[in-house]
Protein backbone atom coordinates (compact mmCIF):
# COMPACT_ATOMS: atom_id res chain seq x y z
CA MET A 1 164.70 114.09 114.34
CA LYS A 2 163.86 110.36 114.43
CA MET A 3 162.69 110.65 118.06
CA ARG A 4 160.43 113.54 117.21
CA ARG A 5 158.98 111.57 114.29
CA ARG A 6 158.29 108.54 116.55
CA GLN A 7 156.60 110.76 119.12
CA PHE A 8 154.47 112.35 116.43
CA LEU A 9 153.36 108.96 115.09
CA ARG A 10 152.47 107.72 118.58
CA LEU A 11 150.45 110.87 119.26
CA ALA A 12 148.68 110.58 115.91
CA ALA A 13 147.84 106.95 116.55
CA GLY A 14 146.46 107.80 119.97
CA ALA A 15 144.34 110.59 118.53
CA ALA A 16 142.91 108.20 115.95
CA VAL A 17 141.83 105.81 118.71
CA LEU A 18 139.97 108.41 120.75
CA PRO A 19 137.10 109.10 118.35
CA ALA A 20 136.43 105.37 117.95
CA GLY A 21 136.37 104.95 121.70
CA ALA A 22 134.05 107.91 122.02
CA ARG A 23 131.78 106.42 119.36
CA ILE A 24 131.58 103.10 121.19
CA ALA A 25 130.77 104.83 124.47
CA SER A 26 128.11 106.95 122.84
CA ALA A 27 126.57 103.85 121.25
CA GLN A 28 126.34 102.14 124.63
CA ASP A 29 124.60 105.17 126.15
CA TYR A 30 122.44 105.87 123.10
CA PRO A 31 120.12 107.69 123.09
CA ALA A 32 121.08 110.15 125.81
CA ARG A 33 119.02 113.03 124.40
CA PRO A 34 116.06 113.52 122.03
CA VAL A 35 116.36 111.99 118.55
CA HIS A 36 115.05 113.93 115.54
CA VAL A 37 113.23 112.04 112.80
CA VAL A 38 113.26 114.27 109.72
CA VAL A 39 110.19 113.81 107.50
CA GLY A 40 110.17 115.42 104.07
CA PHE A 41 106.40 115.89 103.95
CA PRO A 42 103.85 118.08 105.77
CA PRO A 43 102.00 116.89 108.89
CA GLY A 44 99.02 114.68 108.16
CA GLN A 45 100.38 112.99 105.04
CA GLY A 46 101.02 109.25 104.95
CA ALA A 47 104.75 109.39 105.69
CA ASP A 48 104.14 111.74 108.62
CA ILE A 49 101.41 109.51 110.07
CA PHE A 50 103.62 106.41 110.00
CA ALA A 51 106.61 108.34 111.36
CA ARG A 52 104.59 109.60 114.31
CA LEU A 53 103.28 106.11 115.08
CA ILE A 54 106.79 104.67 115.17
CA GLY A 55 108.25 107.71 116.92
CA GLN A 56 105.69 107.53 119.71
CA ARG A 57 106.32 103.81 120.23
CA LEU A 58 110.10 104.31 120.34
CA SER A 59 109.75 107.23 122.77
CA GLU A 60 107.60 105.16 125.13
CA HIS A 61 109.78 102.06 124.96
CA ILE A 62 113.24 103.66 125.05
CA GLY A 63 112.39 106.49 127.43
CA GLN A 64 113.83 109.22 125.21
CA SER A 65 111.90 111.51 122.88
CA PHE A 66 111.81 110.80 119.15
CA VAL A 67 110.81 114.18 117.74
CA ILE A 68 109.18 114.38 114.30
CA ASP A 69 110.84 117.21 112.36
CA ASN A 70 108.80 118.04 109.25
CA ARG A 71 110.92 119.58 106.48
CA PRO A 72 108.79 119.38 103.32
CA GLY A 73 110.08 120.44 99.95
CA ALA A 74 111.33 119.19 96.59
CA SER A 75 109.84 115.71 96.97
CA ASN A 76 111.85 114.80 100.09
CA THR A 77 115.17 116.11 98.75
CA THR A 78 115.25 119.03 101.20
CA ALA A 79 114.91 116.73 104.20
CA THR A 80 117.35 114.18 102.82
CA GLU A 81 120.04 116.78 102.13
CA TYR A 82 119.65 118.08 105.68
CA VAL A 83 120.24 114.62 107.15
CA VAL A 84 123.12 113.83 104.78
CA HIS A 85 125.01 116.79 106.27
CA ALA A 86 124.02 116.09 109.89
CA ARG A 87 126.41 114.57 112.42
CA ALA A 88 126.62 110.80 112.11
CA ASP A 89 125.76 110.19 115.76
CA GLY A 90 122.29 108.64 115.55
CA TYR A 91 120.43 111.76 116.69
CA THR A 92 119.24 112.81 113.23
CA LEU A 93 117.29 110.22 111.22
CA ILE A 94 115.70 110.47 107.78
CA TRP A 95 112.25 109.02 107.14
CA VAL A 96 112.89 107.10 103.93
CA THR A 97 110.08 106.93 101.35
CA SER A 98 109.66 105.79 97.75
CA SER A 99 110.50 109.34 96.68
CA ASN A 100 114.10 108.71 97.70
CA VAL A 101 114.52 105.76 95.33
CA ILE A 102 112.54 107.49 92.56
CA ASN A 103 114.47 110.78 92.85
CA ALA A 104 117.75 108.97 92.26
CA THR A 105 116.82 108.71 88.56
CA LEU A 106 114.18 111.44 88.21
CA TYR A 107 116.65 114.24 89.00
CA GLU A 108 119.79 114.51 86.90
CA LYS A 109 121.64 116.30 89.67
CA LEU A 110 121.06 115.91 93.41
CA PRO A 111 123.22 117.43 96.17
CA TYR A 112 123.83 113.90 97.48
CA ASP A 113 123.95 110.25 96.44
CA PHE A 114 121.24 108.55 98.46
CA ILE A 115 122.65 105.03 98.32
CA ARG A 116 126.15 106.29 99.17
CA ASP A 117 125.31 108.95 101.76
CA ILE A 118 122.44 107.38 103.72
CA GLU A 119 122.85 104.19 105.75
CA PRO A 120 119.66 102.09 105.81
CA VAL A 121 118.51 101.26 109.35
CA ALA A 122 115.10 99.61 109.17
CA SER A 123 112.19 99.22 106.80
CA ILE A 124 108.78 100.05 108.25
CA ASN A 125 106.16 98.97 105.74
CA ARG A 126 105.20 98.77 102.09
CA VAL A 127 101.97 100.66 101.47
CA PRO A 128 99.57 99.21 98.89
CA LEU A 129 97.83 101.25 96.22
CA VAL A 130 94.59 100.55 94.40
CA MET A 131 93.78 101.11 90.74
CA GLU A 132 90.40 102.82 90.72
CA VAL A 133 88.13 104.54 88.24
CA HIS A 134 85.22 106.94 88.33
CA PRO A 135 81.90 105.04 87.90
CA SER A 136 81.38 106.75 84.54
CA VAL A 137 84.20 104.66 83.06
CA PRO A 138 82.53 101.68 81.36
CA ALA A 139 85.23 99.16 82.30
CA LYS A 140 84.47 96.97 85.30
CA THR A 141 87.59 94.79 85.15
CA ILE A 142 91.21 95.35 84.27
CA PRO A 143 90.96 93.44 80.96
CA GLU A 144 87.97 95.61 80.03
CA PHE A 145 89.89 98.73 81.06
CA ILE A 146 92.92 97.79 78.96
CA ALA A 147 90.68 97.12 75.94
CA TYR A 148 88.87 100.43 76.45
CA ALA A 149 92.15 102.35 76.84
CA LYS A 150 93.59 100.79 73.68
CA ALA A 151 90.43 101.69 71.78
CA ASN A 152 90.73 105.28 73.03
CA PRO A 153 94.48 106.05 73.10
CA GLY A 154 95.39 109.22 74.98
CA LYS A 155 91.78 110.01 75.87
CA LEU A 156 91.66 108.56 79.40
CA THR A 157 92.99 110.95 82.07
CA MET A 158 95.11 109.51 84.87
CA ALA A 159 95.40 111.62 88.03
CA SER A 160 98.35 111.51 90.42
CA GLY A 161 99.69 113.33 93.44
CA GLY A 162 102.48 114.85 91.36
CA ILE A 163 105.30 113.98 88.98
CA GLY A 164 107.48 111.28 90.53
CA ASN A 165 104.93 110.60 93.26
CA SER A 166 104.21 106.92 94.05
CA THR A 167 100.70 107.37 92.66
CA HIS A 168 102.25 108.60 89.41
CA MET A 169 104.87 105.88 89.13
CA ALA A 170 102.35 103.10 89.78
CA GLY A 171 100.32 104.40 86.84
CA GLU A 172 103.35 104.73 84.59
CA LEU A 173 104.36 101.16 85.39
CA PHE A 174 100.87 100.02 84.41
CA LYS A 175 101.00 101.99 81.16
CA MET A 176 104.38 100.48 80.32
CA MET A 177 103.46 96.88 81.15
CA ALA A 178 99.90 96.92 79.76
CA GLY A 179 100.86 98.86 76.64
CA VAL A 180 98.24 101.58 77.04
CA ASP A 181 98.37 105.35 76.52
CA MET A 182 96.72 107.61 79.09
CA LEU A 183 97.05 111.34 79.66
CA HIS A 184 98.79 112.00 82.99
CA VAL A 185 97.30 114.85 85.04
CA PRO A 186 99.59 115.69 87.99
CA TYR A 187 98.23 117.51 91.05
CA ARG A 188 99.93 119.14 93.99
CA GLY A 189 99.22 116.24 96.30
CA SER A 190 97.01 113.17 96.23
CA ALA A 191 94.09 114.79 98.07
CA PRO A 192 93.13 117.23 95.27
CA ALA A 193 93.69 114.48 92.70
CA LEU A 194 91.27 112.23 94.57
CA THR A 195 88.74 115.06 94.82
CA ASP A 196 88.73 115.51 91.05
CA LEU A 197 88.49 111.75 90.51
CA LEU A 198 85.40 111.67 92.71
CA GLY A 199 83.97 114.57 90.73
CA GLY A 200 84.62 112.88 87.39
CA GLN A 201 87.07 115.52 86.14
CA VAL A 202 89.63 112.70 85.72
CA GLN A 203 88.91 109.04 85.16
CA VAL A 204 91.53 106.79 86.75
CA MET A 205 94.00 106.94 89.63
CA PHE A 206 96.42 104.67 91.44
CA ASP A 207 95.83 105.90 94.98
CA LEU A 208 97.02 104.80 98.41
CA THR A 209 94.45 102.25 99.52
CA ALA A 210 93.78 103.84 102.90
CA SER A 211 92.84 107.17 101.26
CA SER A 212 90.28 105.65 98.90
CA LEU A 213 88.90 102.76 100.94
CA GLU A 214 85.85 104.65 102.21
CA HIS A 215 84.94 105.89 98.72
CA ILE A 216 85.31 102.43 97.20
CA LYS A 217 83.08 100.81 99.82
CA ALA A 218 80.47 103.56 99.35
CA GLY A 219 80.42 102.99 95.58
CA ARG A 220 81.73 106.44 94.74
CA LEU A 221 84.76 104.83 93.07
CA ARG A 222 85.22 101.45 91.40
CA ALA A 223 88.31 99.45 92.39
CA LEU A 224 89.71 97.41 89.52
CA GLY A 225 92.79 95.97 91.20
CA VAL A 226 95.24 96.31 94.06
CA THR A 227 98.91 96.87 93.28
CA THR A 228 100.31 94.30 95.69
CA ALA A 229 101.39 90.77 94.79
CA THR A 230 98.50 89.30 96.81
CA ARG A 231 94.97 90.44 97.63
CA LEU A 232 94.35 92.77 100.56
CA ASP A 233 92.29 91.95 103.63
CA ALA A 234 90.79 95.43 103.37
CA LEU A 235 89.51 94.68 99.83
CA PRO A 236 89.22 90.88 99.69
CA ASP A 237 87.02 90.83 96.58
CA VAL A 238 89.35 93.01 94.52
CA PRO A 239 91.91 91.10 92.41
CA THR A 240 95.53 92.14 92.02
CA VAL A 241 96.63 94.07 88.95
CA GLY A 242 99.22 91.33 88.51
CA ASP A 243 96.45 88.79 87.95
CA PHE A 244 95.96 90.38 84.51
CA VAL A 245 99.30 92.14 83.95
CA PRO A 246 101.81 89.44 84.96
CA GLY A 247 104.67 90.72 87.12
CA TYR A 248 103.03 94.02 87.99
CA GLU A 249 103.59 95.23 91.56
CA ALA A 250 103.81 98.76 92.89
CA VAL A 251 103.87 99.78 96.55
CA ALA A 252 105.00 102.82 98.51
CA LEU A 253 108.04 102.38 100.74
CA ASN A 254 108.63 103.65 104.28
CA GLY A 255 111.73 103.21 106.42
CA ILE A 256 114.45 104.88 108.48
CA GLY A 257 117.99 105.85 107.54
CA VAL A 258 120.94 107.70 109.09
CA PRO A 259 123.95 109.60 107.73
CA ARG A 260 126.74 107.32 106.52
CA ASN A 261 129.46 106.50 109.07
CA THR A 262 126.93 106.35 111.89
CA PRO A 263 128.32 103.78 114.38
CA THR A 264 127.22 100.24 113.62
CA GLU A 265 126.17 99.73 117.24
CA ILE A 266 123.65 102.58 116.95
CA VAL A 267 122.28 101.26 113.65
CA LYS A 268 121.81 97.82 115.23
CA ARG A 269 120.12 99.30 118.31
CA LEU A 270 117.70 101.33 116.22
CA ASN A 271 116.94 98.36 113.97
CA ALA A 272 116.17 96.12 116.96
CA GLU A 273 113.90 98.74 118.52
CA VAL A 274 112.00 99.38 115.28
CA ASN A 275 111.49 95.68 114.62
CA ALA A 276 110.23 95.24 118.18
CA ALA A 277 107.76 98.07 117.58
CA LEU A 278 106.56 96.46 114.35
CA ALA A 279 105.98 93.16 116.19
CA ASP A 280 103.77 94.82 118.80
CA PRO A 281 100.12 93.66 118.40
CA ALA A 282 98.80 97.19 118.93
CA MET A 283 101.06 98.50 116.17
CA LYS A 284 99.99 95.70 113.83
CA ALA A 285 96.35 96.55 114.48
CA ARG A 286 96.94 100.23 113.80
CA PHE A 287 98.74 99.41 110.56
CA ALA A 288 95.83 97.16 109.56
CA ASP A 289 93.47 100.11 110.07
CA LEU A 290 95.65 102.03 107.59
CA ALA A 291 95.51 99.17 105.06
CA THR A 292 99.19 98.31 105.36
CA THR A 293 101.34 95.64 107.01
CA PRO A 294 104.66 95.93 108.87
CA LEU A 295 107.85 94.98 107.03
CA PRO A 296 110.55 94.12 109.59
CA ALA A 297 114.01 93.62 108.11
CA SER A 298 117.70 93.84 108.89
CA PRO A 299 119.71 96.87 107.73
CA ALA A 300 121.24 94.68 104.99
CA GLU A 301 117.82 93.53 103.81
CA PHE A 302 116.54 97.10 103.74
CA LYS A 303 119.62 98.17 101.78
CA LYS A 304 118.94 95.44 99.21
CA LEU A 305 115.29 96.54 98.92
CA ILE A 306 116.35 100.16 98.32
CA ALA A 307 118.73 99.07 95.56
CA GLU A 308 116.03 96.94 93.90
CA GLU A 309 113.42 99.72 94.04
CA THR A 310 115.92 102.27 92.70
CA ASP A 311 116.64 100.03 89.71
CA LYS A 312 112.95 99.25 89.11
CA TRP A 313 111.70 102.83 89.08
CA GLY A 314 114.75 104.01 87.17
CA LYS A 315 113.70 101.77 84.28
CA VAL A 316 110.15 103.17 84.33
CA ILE A 317 111.38 106.79 84.41
CA ARG A 318 113.71 106.22 81.47
CA PHE A 319 111.06 104.31 79.48
CA ALA A 320 108.43 107.03 79.95
CA ASN A 321 111.00 109.84 79.65
CA ILE A 322 109.66 111.42 82.87
CA LYS A 323 111.09 114.80 83.81
CA PRO A 324 110.69 116.62 87.13
CA GLU A 325 108.47 119.69 87.39
């Protein structure tokens, strides 16, 4: 009986070693087949555009296809759930966005725990937004806007791309920190919200800078402030919101993650390749055209950023008592 037990333990120990050895070998050969980058938004939206830029660069440099797999639905939860349940072998990646950190608090029940179930690989960029108004709004500066909003509580309409969208949360953060009351008007996407802002049906919006840049320069919209900590090269004459609302900062997040338990060697390889792509002058120039800057970081740094953003937006959601649609 003792001999049989010893043999069983030796066999069990050997079996436990095999998967680790296989993981190491696969990491050394990685990637040996196409890699799928799952994006929770339709083609043509901001996340998809950035994912395709990075995916193309990785495909060209590594010599293996990085396929963009669009799986829109439920504010990126559909795509995230798919990746959470995928094999942890580095061949299924999730395109991380601000919706992931916002959803952690916005939804009472999710079929996963993002911080627990997704391993951060690399941050890509932080996308600036701009606080803008229709020209019919009398305020020409943020202090004037705050005074006007306080004199007309609940009368100003604030458009967004949807409840929990970055354009919504940036506005809610402003309302909370500036102490103003505006009526939130959510749309099914930022494009129709911007259309109505241009038409004067709504009065203010916190939009992605790249989407509104042309309209601001043409005078169709008035930019009051950018949401970053420092001024933008694309709008050098526009102050930051934080210049008048101390501590205010709101940006959209992009990055890459993998299912938990993905081999460390694969995470490190992907991180190095992404950071090399972000350092490429051509990539920097393309990002500049889209009014954003690269944000290279280690997996640990990206993990810390995700935790900080989750905590930040969680406070805003609880303060404003925001509920999902």
